[in-house]
C-alpha atoms as a PDB file:
ATOM      1  CA  MET A   1      24.425  45.747   1.367  1.00  0.00           C
ATOM      2  CA  VAL A   2      21.718  43.108  -0.199  1.00  0.00           C
ATOM      3  CA  ARG A   3      22.894  44.223  -3.666  1.00  0.00           C
ATOM      4  CA  GLN A   4      26.217  43.095  -2.323  1.00  0.00           C
ATOM      5  CA  GLU A   5      24.938  39.544  -0.421  1.00  0.00           C
ATOM      6  CA  GLN A   6      23.220  38.851  -4.101  1.00  0.00           C
ATOM      7  CA  VAL A   7      26.515  39.106  -5.987  1.00  0.00           C
ATOM      8  CA  ARG A   8      28.794  37.462  -3.564  1.00  0.00           C
ATOM      9  CA  ARG A   9      25.934  34.093  -3.460  1.00  0.00           C
ATOM     10  CA  VAL A  10      25.306  34.472  -7.326  1.00  0.00           C
ATOM     11  CA  ASN A  11      29.558  34.201  -7.658  1.00  0.00           C
ATOM     12  CA  ASN A  12      29.621  31.441  -5.409  1.00  0.00           C
ATOM     13  CA  ALA A  13      32.140  28.575  -6.175  1.00  0.00           C
ATOM     14  CA  TRP A  14      30.820  25.252  -7.765  1.00  0.00           C
ATOM     15  CA  GLY A  15      28.469  23.668  -5.970  1.00  0.00           C
ATOM     16  CA  GLU A  16      27.494  26.128  -2.947  1.00  0.00           C
ATOM     17  CA  GLY A  17      25.225  27.305  -4.600  1.00  0.00           C
ATOM     18  CA  GLU A  18      23.379  23.924  -3.775  1.00  0.00           C
ATOM     19  CA  ARG A  19      24.119  23.884  -0.311  1.00  0.00           C
ATOM     20  CA  LEU A  20      22.484  27.096   0.443  1.00  0.00           C
ATOM     21  CA  ARG A  21      19.414  26.247  -1.730  1.00  0.00           C
ATOM     22  CA  GLN A  22      19.562  22.644   0.602  1.00  0.00           C
ATOM     23  CA  GLU A  23      19.952  25.010   3.690  1.00  0.00           C
ATOM     24  CA  ILE A  24      17.052  27.573   2.645  1.00  0.00           C
ATOM     25  CA  LEU A  25      15.249  24.177   2.220  1.00  0.00           C
ATOM     26  CA  ASP A  26      15.577  22.797   6.013  1.00  0.00           C
ATOM     27  CA  ALA A  27      15.022  25.392   7.442  1.00  0.00           C
ATOM     28  CA  ALA A  28      11.871  26.061   5.661  1.00  0.00           C
ATOM     29  CA  THR A  29      10.878  22.454   6.827  1.00  0.00           C
ATOM     30  CA  ARG A  30      12.173  22.870  10.450  1.00  0.00           C
ATOM     31  CA  ILE A  31      10.029  25.767  10.143  1.00  0.00           C
ATOM     32  CA  LEU A  32       6.632  24.303   8.763  1.00  0.00           C
ATOM     33  CA  GLU A  33       7.457  20.550  11.168  1.00  0.00           C
ATOM     34  CA  GLU A  34       6.807  23.112  14.011  1.00  0.00           C
ATOM     35  CA  THR A  35       3.894  25.024  13.060  1.00  0.00           C
ATOM     36  CA  GLY A  36       1.992  23.003  10.462  1.00  0.00           C
ATOM     37  CA  ARG A  37       1.057  26.255   8.445  1.00  0.00           C
ATOM     38  CA  GLU A  38       2.505  28.068   5.621  1.00  0.00           C
ATOM     39  CA  ASN A  39       0.826  31.061   7.097  1.00  0.00           C
ATOM     40  CA  ALA A  40       3.795  30.980   9.624  1.00  0.00           C
ATOM     41  CA  LEU A  41       6.754  30.713   7.321  1.00  0.00           C
ATOM     42  CA  SER A  42       8.505  34.288   5.909  1.00  0.00           C
ATOM     43  CA  LEU A  43      11.286  34.375   3.321  1.00  0.00           C
ATOM     44  CA  ARG A  44      12.475  36.730   5.815  1.00  0.00           C
ATOM     45  CA  GLY A  45      12.104  33.938   8.452  1.00  0.00           C
ATOM     46  CA  VAL A  46      13.919  31.960   6.729  1.00  0.00           C
ATOM     47  CA  ALA A  47      16.843  34.035   5.109  1.00  0.00           C
ATOM     48  CA  ARG A  48      17.558  34.627   9.547  1.00  0.00           C
ATOM     49  CA  GLU A  49      17.618  30.715  10.019  1.00  0.00           C
ATOM     50  CA  VAL A  50      19.915  30.724   7.370  1.00  0.00           C
ATOM     51  CA  GLY A  51      21.445  33.620   8.169  1.00  0.00           C
ATOM     52  CA  ILE A  52      21.611  34.970   4.644  1.00  0.00           C
ATOM     53  CA  ALA A  53      19.413  37.783   3.538  1.00  0.00           C
ATOM     54  CA  ALA A  54      16.395  37.357   2.568  1.00  0.00           C
ATOM     55  CA  PRO A  55      16.241  38.742  -1.678  1.00  0.00           C
ATOM     56  CA  SER A  56      19.336  35.680  -1.528  1.00  0.00           C
ATOM     57  CA  ILE A  57      16.436  33.241  -1.490  1.00  0.00           C
ATOM     58  CA  TYR A  58      14.769  34.999  -4.924  1.00  0.00           C
ATOM     59  CA  LEU A  59      18.089  32.807  -6.609  1.00  0.00           C
ATOM     60  CA  HIS A  60      16.349  29.716  -5.803  1.00  0.00           C
ATOM     61  CA  PHE A  61      13.082  29.727  -5.010  1.00  0.00           C
ATOM     62  CA  LYS A  62      10.713  32.436  -7.298  1.00  0.00           C
ATOM     63  CA  ASP A  63       8.420  33.150  -4.020  1.00  0.00           C
ATOM     64  CA  LYS A  64       7.200  31.191  -1.088  1.00  0.00           C
ATOM     65  CA  THR A  65       4.796  28.852  -2.858  1.00  0.00           C
ATOM     66  CA  ALA A  66       7.422  27.733  -4.737  1.00  0.00           C
ATOM     67  CA  LEU A  67       9.733  27.166  -1.779  1.00  0.00           C
ATOM     68  CA  VAL A  68       6.621  25.251   0.319  1.00  0.00           C
ATOM     69  CA  TRP A  69       5.523  22.703  -3.089  1.00  0.00           C
ATOM     70  CA  ALA A  70       9.679  22.032  -2.805  1.00  0.00           C
ATOM     71  CA  VAL A  71       9.900  21.355   1.044  1.00  0.00           C
ATOM     72  CA  LEU A  72       7.023  19.370  -0.314  1.00  0.00           C
ATOM     73  CA  ALA A  73       8.703  17.543  -2.989  1.00  0.00           C
ATOM     74  CA  GLU A  74      11.928  17.008  -0.901  1.00  0.00           C
ATOM     75  CA  ALA A  75      10.115  15.099   1.215  1.00  0.00           C
ATOM     76  CA  TYR A  76       8.423  13.198  -0.888  1.00  0.00           C
ATOM     77  CA  ARG A  77      10.784  12.022  -2.946  1.00  0.00           C
ATOM     78  CA  ALA A  78      12.372  10.735   0.865  1.00  0.00           C
ATOM     79  CA  LEU A  79       9.585   8.292   0.951  1.00  0.00           C
ATOM     80  CA  ALA A  80       9.576   7.461  -2.310  1.00  0.00           C
ATOM     81  CA  ALA A  81      12.686   6.355  -2.253  1.00  0.00           C
ATOM     82  CA  ALA A  82      13.072   4.422   1.004  1.00  0.00           C
ATOM     83  CA  MET A  83      10.408   2.174  -0.129  1.00  0.00           C
ATOM     84  CA  ASP A  84      11.829   1.844  -2.918  1.00  0.00           C
ATOM     85  CA  GLU A  85      14.904   0.747  -1.547  1.00  0.00           C
ATOM     86  CA  GLY A  86      13.089  -1.591   0.964  1.00  0.00           C
ATOM     87  CA  ALA A  87      11.328  -3.533  -2.135  1.00  0.00           C
ATOM     88  CA  ASP A  88      15.543  -3.950  -3.562  1.00  0.00           C
ATOM     89  CA  ALA A  89      16.545  -4.885  -0.089  1.00  0.00           C
ATOM     90  CA  ALA A  90      14.102  -7.946  -0.001  1.00  0.00           C
ATOM     91  CA  ALA A  91      14.446  -9.112  -4.204  1.00  0.00           C
ATOM     92  CA  GLU A  92      18.290  -9.069  -3.188  1.00  0.00           C
ATOM     93  CA  VAL A  93      17.884 -12.106  -0.467  1.00  0.00           C
ATOM     94  CA  GLY A  94      15.369 -13.855  -2.552  1.00  0.00           C
ATOM     95  CA  GLY A  95      12.163 -12.322  -1.862  1.00  0.00           C
ATOM     96  CA  GLY A  96       9.202 -13.058  -3.347  1.00  0.00           C
ATOM     97  CA  PRO A  97       6.616 -10.852  -4.807  1.00  0.00           C
ATOM     98  CA  LEU A  98       4.157 -10.716  -1.075  1.00  0.00           C
ATOM     99  CA  GLU A  99       7.375 -10.598   0.681  1.00  0.00           C
ATOM    100  CA  ARG A 100       8.826  -7.260  -1.596  1.00  0.00           C
ATOM    101  CA  MET A 101       5.590  -5.752  -0.870  1.00  0.00           C
ATOM    102  CA  ARG A 102       5.866  -6.084   3.024  1.00  0.00           C
ATOM    103  CA  ALA A 103       8.972  -4.667   2.771  1.00  0.00           C
ATOM    104  CA  THR A 104       7.895  -1.634   0.640  1.00  0.00           C
ATOM    105  CA  VAL A 105       4.552  -1.278   3.564  1.00  0.00           C
ATOM    106  CA  THR A 106       7.418  -1.455   5.778  1.00  0.00           C
ATOM    107  CA  ALA A 107       9.420   0.975   4.588  1.00  0.00           C
ATOM    108  CA  TYR A 108       7.124   3.713   4.729  1.00  0.00           C
ATOM    109  CA  ARG A 109       5.751   2.513   8.207  1.00  0.00           C
ATOM    110  CA  ARG A 110       9.162   3.630   9.441  1.00  0.00           C
ATOM    111  CA  PHE A 111       9.199   6.425   7.914  1.00  0.00           C
ATOM    112  CA  ALA A 112       6.016   7.582   9.389  1.00  0.00           C
ATOM    113  CA  ILE A 113       7.437   6.486  12.537  1.00  0.00           C
ATOM    114  CA  ASP A 114      10.897   7.903  12.526  1.00  0.00           C
ATOM    115  CA  LYS A 115      10.203  10.893  10.898  1.00  0.00           C
ATOM    116  CA  PRO A 116       6.521  11.806  12.673  1.00  0.00           C
ATOM    117  CA  ARG A 117       6.960  15.545  12.095  1.00  0.00           C
ATOM    118  CA  ARG A 118       7.955  15.346   8.424  1.00  0.00           C
ATOM    119  CA  TYR A 119       4.974  12.657   8.015  1.00  0.00           C
ATOM    120  CA  GLU A 120       2.717  15.482   9.408  1.00  0.00           C
ATOM    121  CA  LEU A 121       3.724  18.152   7.973  1.00  0.00           C
ATOM    122  CA  MET A 122       3.417  16.066   4.031  1.00  0.00           C
ATOM    123  CA  PHE A 123      -0.301  14.949   4.817  1.00  0.00           C
ATOM    124  CA  ASN A 124      -1.595  17.529   6.836  1.00  0.00           C
ATOM    125  CA  LEU A 125       0.357  21.441   6.043  1.00  0.00           C
ATOM    126  CA  GLU A 126      -2.717  23.645   5.553  1.00  0.00           C
ATOM    127  CA  TYR A 127      -1.593  25.311   1.967  1.00  0.00           C
ATOM    128  CA  GLU A 128      -2.547  27.082  -0.749  1.00  0.00           C
ATOM    129  CA  PRO A 129      -1.622  25.101  -3.550  1.00  0.00           C
ATOM    130  CA  GLU A 130      -0.560  26.579  -7.132  1.00  0.00           C
ATOM    131  CA  ARG A 131      -3.453  25.640  -9.836  1.00  0.00           C
ATOM    132  CA  ARG A 132      -1.730  22.292 -11.070  1.00  0.00           C
ATOM    133  CA  THR A 133      -3.112  19.497 -12.528  1.00  0.00           C
ATOM    134  CA  VAL A 134      -2.669  16.266 -10.417  1.00  0.00           C
ATOM    135  CA  ALA A 135      -0.369  14.810 -12.212  1.00  0.00           C
ATOM    136  CA  ASP A 136       1.555  17.516 -10.719  1.00  0.00           C
ATOM    137  CA  HIS A 137       1.910  17.484  -7.192  1.00  0.00           C
ATOM    138  CA  PRO A 138       4.626  16.717  -5.828  1.00  0.00           C
ATOM    139  CA  LEU A 139       2.887  14.183  -3.832  1.00  0.00           C
ATOM    140  CA  GLY A 140       2.537  11.913  -6.858  1.00  0.00           C
ATOM    141  CA  THR A 141       6.280  10.810  -6.042  1.00  0.00           C
ATOM    142  CA  VAL A 142       4.478   8.759  -3.476  1.00  0.00           C
ATOM    143  CA  ARG A 143       1.610   7.586  -5.673  1.00  0.00           C
ATOM    144  CA  ARG A 144       4.123   6.477  -8.709  1.00  0.00           C
ATOM    145  CA  ALA A 145       6.212   4.268  -5.383  1.00  0.00           C
ATOM    146  CA  TRP A 146       2.903   2.845  -4.525  1.00  0.00           C
ATOM    147  CA  ILE A 147       2.039   2.145  -8.202  1.00  0.00           C
ATOM    148  CA  ARG A 148       5.965   0.195  -8.893  1.00  0.00           C
ATOM    149  CA  ALA A 149       5.429  -1.440  -5.543  1.00  0.00           C
ATOM    150  CA  VAL A 150       1.713  -3.228  -7.069  1.00  0.00           C
ATOM    151  CA  ASP A 151       2.808  -3.347 -10.341  1.00  0.00           C
ATOM    152  CA  SER A 152       5.710  -5.667  -9.470  1.00  0.00           C
ATOM    153  CA  TYR A 153       4.171  -7.766  -7.196  1.00  0.00           C
ATOM    154  CA  LEU A 154       1.085  -8.969  -9.280  1.00  0.00           C
ATOM    155  CA  ALA A 155       4.467  -9.380 -12.333  1.00  0.00           C
ATOM    156  CA  GLU A 156       3.400 -13.261 -12.269  1.00  0.00           C
ATOM    157  CA  ALA A 157      -0.705 -12.478 -12.754  1.00  0.00           C
ATOM    158  CA  ASP A 158      -2.146 -12.806 -15.599  1.00  0.00           C
ATOM    159  CA  ALA A 159      -2.751  -9.413 -17.841  1.00  0.00           C
ATOM    160  CA  ALA A 160      -6.101  -8.054 -16.337  1.00  0.00           C
ATOM    161  CA  ARG A 161      -5.127  -8.045 -12.772  1.00  0.00           C
ATOM    162  CA  ARG A 162      -1.823  -6.421 -13.829  1.00  0.00           C
ATOM    163  CA  ALA A 163      -4.408  -3.723 -15.171  1.00  0.00           C
ATOM    164  CA  GLU A 164      -5.155  -3.156 -11.583  1.00  0.00           C
ATOM    165  CA  ALA A 165      -2.377  -2.079 -10.219  1.00  0.00           C
ATOM    166  CA  GLU A 166      -2.962   1.570 -10.224  1.00  0.00           C
ATOM    167  CA  ILE A 167      -6.176   1.828  -7.971  1.00  0.00           C
ATOM    168  CA  LEU A 168      -4.891  -0.787  -6.225  1.00  0.00           C
ATOM    169  CA  ALA A 169      -2.374   0.721  -4.972  1.00  0.00           C
ATOM    170  CA  MET A 170      -4.545   3.381  -4.017  1.00  0.00           C
ATOM    171  CA  HIS A 171      -6.888   1.292  -1.579  1.00  0.00           C
ATOM    172  CA  VAL A 172      -3.357   0.147  -0.223  1.00  0.00           C
ATOM    173  CA  TRP A 173      -1.289   3.336   0.588  1.00  0.00           C
ATOM    174  CA  THR A 174      -5.091   4.476   1.436  1.00  0.00           C
ATOM    175  CA  ALA A 175      -5.385   1.566   4.086  1.00  0.00           C
ATOM    176  CA  VAL A 176      -1.843   1.566   5.476  1.00  0.00           C
ATOM    177  CA  HIS A 177      -1.779   5.744   6.230  1.00  0.00           C
ATOM    178  CA  GLY A 178      -5.474   5.367   7.846  1.00  0.00           C
ATOM    179  CA  GLN A 179      -3.804   2.886   9.771  1.00  0.00           C
ATOM    180  CA  LEU A 180      -0.740   4.896  11.014  1.00  0.00           C
ATOM    181  CA  VAL A 181      -3.503   7.992  11.662  1.00  0.00           C
ATOM    182  CA  LEU A 182      -5.459   5.874  14.403  1.00  0.00           C
ATOM    183  CA  TRP A 183      -2.542   4.336  15.660  1.00  0.00           C
ATOM    184  CA  ARG A 184      -1.643   7.659  16.539  1.00  0.00           C
ATOM    185  CA  THR A 185      -5.317   8.543  17.902  1.00  0.00           C
ATOM    186  CA  LEU A 186      -5.383   5.070  19.755  1.00  0.00           C
ATOM    187  CA  PRO A 187      -4.707   5.497  23.666  1.00  0.00           C
ATOM    188  CA  SER A 188      -2.127   3.755  25.303  1.00  0.00           C
ATOM    189  CA  PRO A 189      -0.427   1.035  25.270  1.00  0.00           C
ATOM    190  CA  VAL A 190      -1.783   0.943  22.124  1.00  0.00           C
ATOM    191  CA  ALA A 191      -0.583   3.648  20.021  1.00  0.00           C
ATOM    192  CA  GLY A 192       2.441   3.063  21.584  1.00  0.00           C
ATOM    193  CA  SER A 193       2.837  -1.028  20.298  1.00  0.00           C
ATOM    194  CA  GLU A 194       3.807  -0.856  16.767  1.00  0.00           C
ATOM    195  CA  ALA A 195       3.167  -4.390  16.393  1.00  0.00           C
ATOM    196  CA  VAL A 196      -0.534  -3.931  16.598  1.00  0.00           C
ATOM    197  CA  LEU A 197       1.079  -1.866  12.953  1.00  0.00           C
ATOM    198  CA  VAL A 198       2.120  -4.895  11.431  1.00  0.00           C
ATOM    199  CA  GLU A 199      -0.362  -6.802  12.157  1.00  0.00           C
ATOM    200  CA  LEU A 200      -2.558  -4.725  10.842  1.00  0.00           C
ATOM    201  CA  GLU A 201      -0.797  -4.432   7.479  1.00  0.00           C
ATOM    202  CA  GLN A 202      -0.093  -8.216   7.250  1.00  0.00           C
ATOM    203  CA  SER A 203      -4.269  -8.337   7.395  1.00  0.00           C
ATOM    204  CA  LEU A 204      -4.861  -5.522   4.552  1.00  0.00           C
ATOM    205  CA  LEU A 205      -2.581  -7.117   2.058  1.00  0.00           C
ATOM    206  CA  ASP A 206      -3.785 -10.860   2.512  1.00  0.00           C
ATOM    207  CA  ARG A 207      -7.339  -8.417   1.983  1.00  0.00           C
ATOM    208  CA  LEU A 208      -6.665  -6.452  -0.751  1.00  0.00           C
ATOM    209  CA  LEU A 209      -3.766  -8.868  -2.527  1.00  0.00           C
ATOM    210  CA  PRO A 210      -4.921 -11.815  -5.290  1.00  0.00           C
ATOM    211  CA  VAL A 211      -2.656 -14.603  -3.879  1.00  0.00           C
ATOM    212  CA  VAL A 212       0.426 -13.741  -6.589  1.00  0.00           C
ATOM    213  CA  GLY A 213       3.293 -16.106  -6.116  1.00  0.00           C
ATOM    214  CA  ARG A 214       2.781 -16.883  -2.275  1.00  0.00           C
ATOM    215  CA  SER A 215       4.929 -19.096  -1.043  1.00  0.00           C
ATOM    216  CA  GLU A 216       6.298 -17.172   2.019  1.00  0.00           C
ATOM    217  CA  PRO A 217       4.969 -17.770   5.120  1.00  0.00           C
END
């Protein structure tokens, strides 16, 4: 029976294999979001969720670790894309450097608030990562999005300031993420007011970013 299942999946029509891969990813994501622990995830459990035989998963992921990394990578890509889209939207309506930066931060905040379980999974999952370099970690997708945003902001600055883009991006990211974590731990009504986060974001950008093209109010 397992062999028949494997053969049927291999011979799927064009596109069905990719759809199955996405279904596996979606199922694994749901399980990880609910539990927050890698050891609560099993390939058999994922297979039951999707409605396939467990060996079929190996046609798309070599093992559970690869599946967990793929789940995280997809989440990081979605967040990075939202950040880029926020900045692009601001640019399309004539937004200057600061407005584009604010739009990037807003997109990051909205992702974290609209997808709280996904965001928690991305940064608090208990798992044993493979031995890879920092550059290979899927979280680098979000890191590069922050660097792009800050580099774009500094585009009108002198060369010395633009050289600071990477470290400055890490400062902004750390501050924004830290604010989100603290915001969730504060008692209501503070934790329920997104306006508090907006005020904090404006304050941190004023303090962290050098003055570049700040014609916006």
